[in-house]
Amino acid sequence: MCAMCLAGLVAGRIVGVPGRVLLPVAFALMVVLWMVWTDFPLSPRKTSALAHAIGGTVAGWALVEALRHRIRDPLSVALLALSGVIVLTLVWELGEYAGDRLLDTALIPSNRDSAEDILFGTAGGLGGITVGGIIAFWRRGG
């Protein structure tokens, strides 16, 4: 998981995502990893859902922040950000699958769990895109 998070942060920097966006993303990913690795008070299933929702929220917000300076149409920004969140959730689940196969772990206990992770990640992404859009609208002065 750490390698996938690091790869995402490095890829974000390579494509030009500003450091002011990547720093909060890195902090949020650190919190998510801490939640997953410690004895968090929620059940493993709820912790997984919360972790994927937080990751999706952060990814959605970061994509809006990165795209809004390059694309002026807010609808295009939102649709591209949503597409990016969906791709990221799918890539994350593929990374979990590959990790299970290579390291003999059990990050993906079932297809249903993967589908739930993708759903919560995408729902979180919609929330992050909404927050990012509201912040951008507020910064423009309405």
N, C-alpha and C. Protein backbone atom coordinates (compact mmCIF):
# COMPACT_ATOMS: atom_id res chain seq x y z
N MET A 1 0.82 -1.19 0.00
CA MET A 1 0.00 0.00 0.00
C MET A 1 0.87 1.26 0.00
N CYS A 2 1.94 1.22 0.79
CA CYS A 2 2.83 2.38 0.83
C CYS A 2 3.42 2.65 -0.54
N ALA A 3 3.81 1.59 -1.24
CA ALA A 3 4.40 1.76 -2.57
C ALA A 3 3.39 2.37 -3.54
N MET A 4 2.13 1.95 -3.44
CA MET A 4 1.11 2.52 -4.34
C MET A 4 0.87 3.99 -4.00
N CYS A 5 0.86 4.34 -2.71
CA CYS A 5 0.68 5.74 -2.31
C CYS A 5 1.84 6.59 -2.79
N LEU A 6 3.06 6.10 -2.59
CA LEU A 6 4.25 6.83 -3.04
C LEU A 6 4.25 6.99 -4.55
N ALA A 7 3.91 5.93 -5.26
CA ALA A 7 3.86 6.01 -6.73
C ALA A 7 2.83 7.05 -7.18
N GLY A 8 1.71 7.11 -6.52
CA GLY A 8 0.69 8.10 -6.85
C GLY A 8 1.16 9.52 -6.60
N LEU A 9 1.85 9.74 -5.48
CA LEU A 9 2.36 11.07 -5.18
C LEU A 9 3.45 11.49 -6.17
N VAL A 10 4.32 10.57 -6.50
CA VAL A 10 5.39 10.87 -7.48
C VAL A 10 4.78 11.14 -8.86
N ALA A 11 3.82 10.31 -9.25
CA ALA A 11 3.16 10.53 -10.55
C ALA A 11 2.43 11.87 -10.57
N GLY A 12 1.80 12.23 -9.47
CA GLY A 12 1.13 13.53 -9.39
C GLY A 12 2.10 14.67 -9.59
N ARG A 13 3.27 14.57 -8.98
CA ARG A 13 4.27 15.62 -9.13
C ARG A 13 4.81 15.68 -10.55
N ILE A 14 5.00 14.50 -11.15
CA ILE A 14 5.52 14.45 -12.52
C ILE A 14 4.56 15.13 -13.50
N VAL A 15 3.25 14.94 -13.31
CA VAL A 15 2.30 15.56 -14.23
C VAL A 15 1.99 17.01 -13.87
N GLY A 16 2.62 17.52 -12.81
CA GLY A 16 2.50 18.95 -12.51
C GLY A 16 1.52 19.33 -11.43
N VAL A 17 1.12 18.39 -10.60
CA VAL A 17 0.23 18.75 -9.49
C VAL A 17 1.06 19.54 -8.49
N PRO A 18 0.56 20.72 -8.07
CA PRO A 18 1.35 21.56 -7.18
C PRO A 18 1.58 20.92 -5.81
N GLY A 19 2.68 21.29 -5.18
CA GLY A 19 3.00 20.78 -3.86
C GLY A 19 1.96 21.13 -2.82
N ARG A 20 1.29 22.29 -2.95
CA ARG A 20 0.25 22.68 -2.00
C ARG A 20 -0.95 21.75 -2.04
N VAL A 21 -1.07 20.98 -3.11
CA VAL A 21 -2.12 19.96 -3.22
C VAL A 21 -1.59 18.61 -2.74
N LEU A 22 -0.37 18.29 -3.11
CA LEU A 22 0.19 16.98 -2.76
C LEU A 22 0.47 16.82 -1.27
N LEU A 23 0.81 17.90 -0.58
CA LEU A 23 1.09 17.79 0.85
C LEU A 23 -0.13 17.34 1.64
N PRO A 24 -1.32 17.96 1.47
CA PRO A 24 -2.49 17.44 2.18
C PRO A 24 -2.87 16.02 1.74
N VAL A 25 -2.64 15.69 0.48
CA VAL A 25 -2.91 14.33 0.01
C VAL A 25 -2.01 13.34 0.74
N ALA A 26 -0.72 13.66 0.84
CA ALA A 26 0.21 12.77 1.54
C ALA A 26 -0.19 12.61 2.99
N PHE A 27 -0.59 13.69 3.65
CA PHE A 27 -1.01 13.60 5.04
C PHE A 27 -2.26 12.72 5.18
N ALA A 28 -3.23 12.91 4.30
CA ALA A 28 -4.45 12.10 4.36
C ALA A 28 -4.16 10.63 4.11
N LEU A 29 -3.26 10.35 3.18
CA LEU A 29 -2.89 8.95 2.93
C LEU A 29 -2.19 8.34 4.13
N MET A 30 -1.40 9.15 4.83
CA MET A 30 -0.75 8.67 6.04
C MET A 30 -1.79 8.32 7.11
N VAL A 31 -2.81 9.14 7.24
CA VAL A 31 -3.88 8.86 8.20
C VAL A 31 -4.64 7.59 7.81
N VAL A 32 -4.93 7.44 6.54
CA VAL A 32 -5.65 6.24 6.08
C VAL A 32 -4.82 4.99 6.34
N LEU A 33 -3.54 5.03 6.02
CA LEU A 33 -2.69 3.87 6.28
C LEU A 33 -2.60 3.57 7.77
N TRP A 34 -2.53 4.60 8.59
CA TRP A 34 -2.52 4.39 10.05
C TRP A 34 -3.81 3.70 10.49
N MET A 35 -4.95 4.16 9.95
CA MET A 35 -6.23 3.53 10.30
C MET A 35 -6.24 2.06 9.95
N VAL A 36 -5.74 1.74 8.78
CA VAL A 36 -5.79 0.37 8.29
C VAL A 36 -4.83 -0.53 9.08
N TRP A 37 -3.68 -0.01 9.47
CA TRP A 37 -2.67 -0.84 10.11
C TRP A 37 -2.80 -0.95 11.62
N THR A 38 -3.52 -0.03 12.25
CA THR A 38 -3.67 -0.10 13.70
C THR A 38 -4.98 -0.81 14.04
N ASP A 39 -5.17 -1.01 15.29
CA ASP A 39 -6.39 -1.66 15.77
C ASP A 39 -7.48 -0.60 15.88
N PHE A 40 -7.98 -0.17 14.75
CA PHE A 40 -9.00 0.89 14.69
C PHE A 40 -10.29 0.37 15.32
N PRO A 41 -11.06 1.23 16.01
CA PRO A 41 -12.23 0.75 16.76
C PRO A 41 -13.39 0.23 15.90
N LEU A 42 -13.36 0.47 14.61
CA LEU A 42 -14.42 -0.04 13.75
C LEU A 42 -14.09 -1.47 13.30
N SER A 43 -15.10 -2.15 12.79
CA SER A 43 -14.86 -3.49 12.24
C SER A 43 -13.98 -3.36 10.99
N PRO A 44 -13.30 -4.43 10.60
CA PRO A 44 -12.44 -4.34 9.40
C PRO A 44 -13.21 -3.89 8.16
N ARG A 45 -14.44 -4.34 8.01
CA ARG A 45 -15.23 -3.95 6.84
C ARG A 45 -15.56 -2.46 6.85
N LYS A 46 -15.94 -1.94 8.03
CA LYS A 46 -16.24 -0.50 8.13
C LYS A 46 -14.97 0.33 7.99
N THR A 47 -13.87 -0.16 8.54
CA THR A 47 -12.60 0.55 8.39
C THR A 47 -12.20 0.62 6.92
N SER A 48 -12.37 -0.47 6.20
CA SER A 48 -12.06 -0.51 4.78
C SER A 48 -12.92 0.49 4.01
N ALA A 49 -14.21 0.51 4.31
CA ALA A 49 -15.12 1.44 3.63
C ALA A 49 -14.72 2.88 3.91
N LEU A 50 -14.41 3.18 5.18
CA LEU A 50 -14.01 4.53 5.55
C LEU A 50 -12.69 4.91 4.88
N ALA A 51 -11.74 4.00 4.86
CA ALA A 51 -10.44 4.27 4.24
C ALA A 51 -10.59 4.56 2.75
N HIS A 52 -11.41 3.77 2.06
CA HIS A 52 -11.61 4.00 0.62
C HIS A 52 -12.38 5.29 0.37
N ALA A 53 -13.32 5.61 1.23
CA ALA A 53 -14.07 6.86 1.08
C ALA A 53 -13.16 8.07 1.29
N ILE A 54 -12.30 8.00 2.30
CA ILE A 54 -11.36 9.11 2.55
C ILE A 54 -10.39 9.24 1.38
N GLY A 55 -9.85 8.11 0.93
CA GLY A 55 -8.94 8.15 -0.22
C GLY A 55 -9.60 8.73 -1.45
N GLY A 56 -10.85 8.34 -1.72
CA GLY A 56 -11.57 8.89 -2.86
C GLY A 56 -11.83 10.37 -2.72
N THR A 57 -12.17 10.80 -1.50
CA THR A 57 -12.43 12.23 -1.24
C THR A 57 -11.18 13.05 -1.53
N VAL A 58 -10.07 12.60 -1.01
CA VAL A 58 -8.81 13.31 -1.21
C VAL A 58 -8.42 13.32 -2.69
N ALA A 59 -8.58 12.19 -3.35
CA ALA A 59 -8.25 12.12 -4.78
C ALA A 59 -9.15 13.06 -5.60
N GLY A 60 -10.45 13.07 -5.30
CA GLY A 60 -11.37 13.95 -6.01
C GLY A 60 -11.02 15.41 -5.84
N TRP A 61 -10.75 15.80 -4.58
CA TRP A 61 -10.37 17.19 -4.31
C TRP A 61 -9.08 17.55 -5.04
N ALA A 62 -8.07 16.66 -4.96
CA ALA A 62 -6.78 16.94 -5.59
C ALA A 62 -6.91 17.06 -7.10
N LEU A 63 -7.73 16.21 -7.70
CA LEU A 63 -7.92 16.29 -9.15
C LEU A 63 -8.59 17.59 -9.56
N VAL A 64 -9.58 18.02 -8.79
CA VAL A 64 -10.24 19.30 -9.09
C VAL A 64 -9.23 20.44 -8.97
N GLU A 65 -8.43 20.43 -7.90
CA GLU A 65 -7.43 21.49 -7.71
C GLU A 65 -6.40 21.50 -8.84
N ALA A 66 -5.99 20.32 -9.28
CA ALA A 66 -4.99 20.25 -10.35
C ALA A 66 -5.57 20.64 -11.70
N LEU A 67 -6.82 20.30 -11.94
CA LEU A 67 -7.42 20.55 -13.26
C LEU A 67 -8.01 21.94 -13.42
N ARG A 68 -8.46 22.54 -12.36
CA ARG A 68 -9.18 23.81 -12.50
C ARG A 68 -8.31 24.95 -13.02
N HIS A 69 -6.99 24.84 -12.89
CA HIS A 69 -6.10 25.87 -13.42
C HIS A 69 -5.79 25.64 -14.90
N ARG A 70 -6.08 24.44 -15.38
CA ARG A 70 -5.78 24.11 -16.77
C ARG A 70 -7.03 24.14 -17.65
N ILE A 71 -8.18 23.86 -17.05
CA ILE A 71 -9.44 23.80 -17.79
C ILE A 71 -10.40 24.79 -17.14
N ARG A 72 -10.99 25.65 -17.92
CA ARG A 72 -11.85 26.71 -17.39
C ARG A 72 -13.30 26.26 -17.18
N ASP A 73 -13.76 25.27 -17.91
CA ASP A 73 -15.15 24.83 -17.81
C ASP A 73 -15.32 23.95 -16.57
N PRO A 74 -16.10 24.39 -15.57
CA PRO A 74 -16.26 23.62 -14.34
C PRO A 74 -16.87 22.23 -14.56
N LEU A 75 -17.77 22.09 -15.52
CA LEU A 75 -18.37 20.79 -15.79
C LEU A 75 -17.33 19.82 -16.34
N SER A 76 -16.48 20.30 -17.22
CA SER A 76 -15.41 19.45 -17.77
C SER A 76 -14.44 19.04 -16.67
N VAL A 77 -14.13 19.97 -15.77
CA VAL A 77 -13.25 19.65 -14.64
C VAL A 77 -13.87 18.55 -13.80
N ALA A 78 -15.16 18.69 -13.48
CA ALA A 78 -15.85 17.71 -12.64
C ALA A 78 -15.89 16.34 -13.31
N LEU A 79 -16.20 16.31 -14.59
CA LEU A 79 -16.27 15.02 -15.30
C LEU A 79 -14.91 14.36 -15.43
N LEU A 80 -13.88 15.14 -15.71
CA LEU A 80 -12.52 14.58 -15.79
C LEU A 80 -12.06 14.10 -14.42
N ALA A 81 -12.36 14.86 -13.38
CA ALA A 81 -11.98 14.46 -12.02
C ALA A 81 -12.70 13.17 -11.63
N LEU A 82 -13.99 13.07 -11.95
CA LEU A 82 -14.74 11.85 -11.64
C LEU A 82 -14.17 10.66 -12.40
N SER A 83 -13.84 10.86 -13.66
CA SER A 83 -13.22 9.79 -14.45
C SER A 83 -11.89 9.37 -13.82
N GLY A 84 -11.12 10.35 -13.38
CA GLY A 84 -9.84 10.06 -12.73
C GLY A 84 -10.02 9.28 -11.43
N VAL A 85 -11.02 9.65 -10.65
CA VAL A 85 -11.28 8.93 -9.39
C VAL A 85 -11.66 7.48 -9.68
N ILE A 86 -12.50 7.27 -10.66
CA ILE A 86 -12.91 5.90 -11.00
C ILE A 86 -11.70 5.08 -11.45
N VAL A 87 -10.87 5.68 -12.29
CA VAL A 87 -9.65 4.97 -12.74
C VAL A 87 -8.75 4.67 -11.55
N LEU A 88 -8.58 5.64 -10.65
CA LEU A 88 -7.72 5.42 -9.49
C LEU A 88 -8.26 4.31 -8.58
N THR A 89 -9.58 4.27 -8.39
CA THR A 89 -10.13 3.21 -7.54
C THR A 89 -9.92 1.83 -8.19
N LEU A 90 -10.08 1.77 -9.48
CA LEU A 90 -9.85 0.50 -10.18
C LEU A 90 -8.37 0.09 -10.11
N VAL A 91 -7.48 1.05 -10.32
CA VAL A 91 -6.05 0.76 -10.25
C VAL A 91 -5.67 0.33 -8.84
N TRP A 92 -6.24 0.98 -7.83
CA TRP A 92 -5.96 0.61 -6.45
C TRP A 92 -6.37 -0.84 -6.19
N GLU A 93 -7.57 -1.21 -6.63
CA GLU A 93 -8.03 -2.58 -6.42
C GLU A 93 -7.18 -3.59 -7.18
N LEU A 94 -6.74 -3.21 -8.37
CA LEU A 94 -5.82 -4.08 -9.11
C LEU A 94 -4.49 -4.23 -8.37
N GLY A 95 -4.05 -3.13 -7.74
CA GLY A 95 -2.83 -3.19 -6.93
C GLY A 95 -3.00 -4.09 -5.73
N GLU A 96 -4.16 -4.04 -5.09
CA GLU A 96 -4.44 -4.95 -3.98
C GLU A 96 -4.44 -6.40 -4.46
N TYR A 97 -5.03 -6.63 -5.60
CA TYR A 97 -5.08 -7.98 -6.17
C TYR A 97 -3.66 -8.49 -6.46
N ALA A 98 -2.87 -7.63 -7.11
CA ALA A 98 -1.49 -8.02 -7.42
C ALA A 98 -0.70 -8.28 -6.14
N GLY A 99 -0.90 -7.44 -5.13
CA GLY A 99 -0.22 -7.65 -3.85
C GLY A 99 -0.63 -8.96 -3.21
N ASP A 100 -1.91 -9.30 -3.30
CA ASP A 100 -2.38 -10.58 -2.77
C ASP A 100 -1.69 -11.74 -3.45
N ARG A 101 -1.55 -11.67 -4.74
CA ARG A 101 -0.95 -12.77 -5.49
C ARG A 101 0.56 -12.87 -5.27
N LEU A 102 1.23 -11.72 -5.27
CA LEU A 102 2.69 -11.72 -5.14
C LEU A 102 3.15 -11.96 -3.71
N LEU A 103 2.43 -11.41 -2.73
CA LEU A 103 2.88 -11.48 -1.34
C LEU A 103 2.09 -12.45 -0.49
N ASP A 104 1.15 -13.14 -1.11
CA ASP A 104 0.32 -14.12 -0.41
C ASP A 104 -0.40 -13.50 0.79
N THR A 105 -1.04 -12.35 0.55
CA THR A 105 -1.83 -11.67 1.58
C THR A 105 -3.31 -11.81 1.24
N ALA A 106 -4.14 -11.15 2.02
CA ALA A 106 -5.59 -11.25 1.78
C ALA A 106 -6.23 -9.87 1.87
N LEU A 107 -5.74 -8.92 1.09
CA LEU A 107 -6.36 -7.60 1.08
C LEU A 107 -7.72 -7.62 0.40
N ILE A 108 -7.93 -8.54 -0.54
CA ILE A 108 -9.20 -8.64 -1.24
C ILE A 108 -9.83 -9.97 -0.87
N PRO A 109 -10.68 -9.98 0.18
CA PRO A 109 -11.27 -11.25 0.57
C PRO A 109 -12.30 -11.77 -0.42
N SER A 110 -12.92 -10.88 -1.22
CA SER A 110 -13.95 -11.34 -2.16
C SER A 110 -14.17 -10.29 -3.24
N ASN A 111 -14.90 -10.71 -4.27
CA ASN A 111 -15.28 -9.75 -5.32
C ASN A 111 -16.21 -8.69 -4.77
N ARG A 112 -17.07 -9.10 -3.83
CA ARG A 112 -18.00 -8.14 -3.22
C ARG A 112 -17.23 -7.05 -2.48
N ASP A 113 -16.17 -7.43 -1.76
CA ASP A 113 -15.36 -6.45 -1.05
C ASP A 113 -14.73 -5.47 -2.03
N SER A 114 -14.23 -5.97 -3.14
CA SER A 114 -13.64 -5.09 -4.16
C SER A 114 -14.68 -4.13 -4.72
N ALA A 115 -15.88 -4.64 -4.98
CA ALA A 115 -16.95 -3.78 -5.50
C ALA A 115 -17.32 -2.71 -4.48
N GLU A 116 -17.39 -3.09 -3.20
CA GLU A 116 -17.69 -2.11 -2.16
C GLU A 116 -16.59 -1.06 -2.06
N ASP A 117 -15.33 -1.50 -2.15
CA ASP A 117 -14.22 -0.55 -2.11
C ASP A 117 -14.30 0.45 -3.25
N ILE A 118 -14.62 -0.04 -4.45
CA ILE A 118 -14.74 0.84 -5.61
C ILE A 118 -15.92 1.80 -5.42
N LEU A 119 -17.03 1.29 -4.90
CA LEU A 119 -18.20 2.13 -4.65
C LEU A 119 -17.88 3.23 -3.64
N PHE A 120 -17.29 2.87 -2.50
CA PHE A 120 -16.98 3.87 -1.48
C PHE A 120 -15.91 4.84 -1.94
N GLY A 121 -14.93 4.37 -2.69
CA GLY A 121 -13.91 5.26 -3.23
C GLY A 121 -14.50 6.27 -4.21
N THR A 122 -15.39 5.79 -5.06
CA THR A 122 -16.03 6.68 -6.04
C THR A 122 -16.99 7.66 -5.35
N ALA A 123 -17.74 7.17 -4.36
CA ALA A 123 -18.65 8.07 -3.61
C ALA A 123 -17.84 9.13 -2.87
N GLY A 124 -16.73 8.73 -2.26
CA GLY A 124 -15.86 9.71 -1.62
C GLY A 124 -15.32 10.70 -2.63
N GLY A 125 -14.96 10.19 -3.81
CA GLY A 125 -14.47 11.07 -4.87
C GLY A 125 -15.50 12.11 -5.28
N LEU A 126 -16.76 11.70 -5.36
CA LEU A 126 -17.82 12.67 -5.68
C LEU A 126 -17.89 13.75 -4.61
N GLY A 127 -17.74 13.34 -3.35
CA GLY A 127 -17.73 14.32 -2.26
C GLY A 127 -16.55 15.27 -2.38
N GLY A 128 -15.36 14.73 -2.67
CA GLY A 128 -14.18 15.57 -2.83
C GLY A 128 -14.29 16.51 -4.01
N ILE A 129 -14.87 16.03 -5.09
CA ILE A 129 -15.08 16.88 -6.27
C ILE A 129 -16.05 18.01 -5.94
N THR A 130 -17.09 17.69 -5.20
CA THR A 130 -18.06 18.71 -4.79
C THR A 130 -17.40 19.77 -3.92
N VAL A 131 -16.64 19.32 -2.92
CA VAL A 131 -15.94 20.26 -2.03
C VAL A 131 -14.95 21.10 -2.83
N GLY A 132 -14.18 20.47 -3.71
CA GLY A 132 -13.23 21.21 -4.53
C GLY A 132 -13.92 22.22 -5.43
N GLY A 133 -15.07 21.85 -5.99
CA GLY A 133 -15.82 22.78 -6.83
C GLY A 133 -16.37 23.96 -6.04
N ILE A 134 -16.86 23.70 -4.83
CA ILE A 134 -17.38 24.78 -3.98
C ILE A 134 -16.25 25.73 -3.58
N ILE A 135 -15.10 25.16 -3.22
CA ILE A 135 -13.95 26.01 -2.86
C ILE A 135 -13.52 26.86 -4.05
N ALA A 136 -13.45 26.26 -5.23
CA ALA A 136 -13.06 27.00 -6.43
C ALA A 136 -14.06 28.12 -6.72
N PHE A 137 -15.36 27.83 -6.57
CA PHE A 137 -16.39 28.82 -6.80
C PHE A 137 -16.26 29.96 -5.79
N TRP A 138 -15.99 29.62 -4.54
CA TRP A 138 -15.85 30.60 -3.48
C TRP A 138 -14.62 31.48 -3.72
N ARG A 139 -13.52 30.88 -4.19
CA ARG A 139 -12.28 31.65 -4.45
C ARG A 139 -12.46 32.63 -5.60
N ARG A 140 -13.30 32.27 -6.58
CA ARG A 140 -13.56 33.15 -7.71
C ARG A 140 -14.45 34.32 -7.30
N GLY A 141 -15.07 34.22 -6.16
CA GLY A 141 -15.94 35.30 -5.71
C GLY A 141 -17.38 35.09 -6.11
N GLY A 142 -17.75 33.83 -6.38
CA GLY A 142 -19.15 33.50 -6.68
C GLY A 142 -19.45 33.75 -8.07
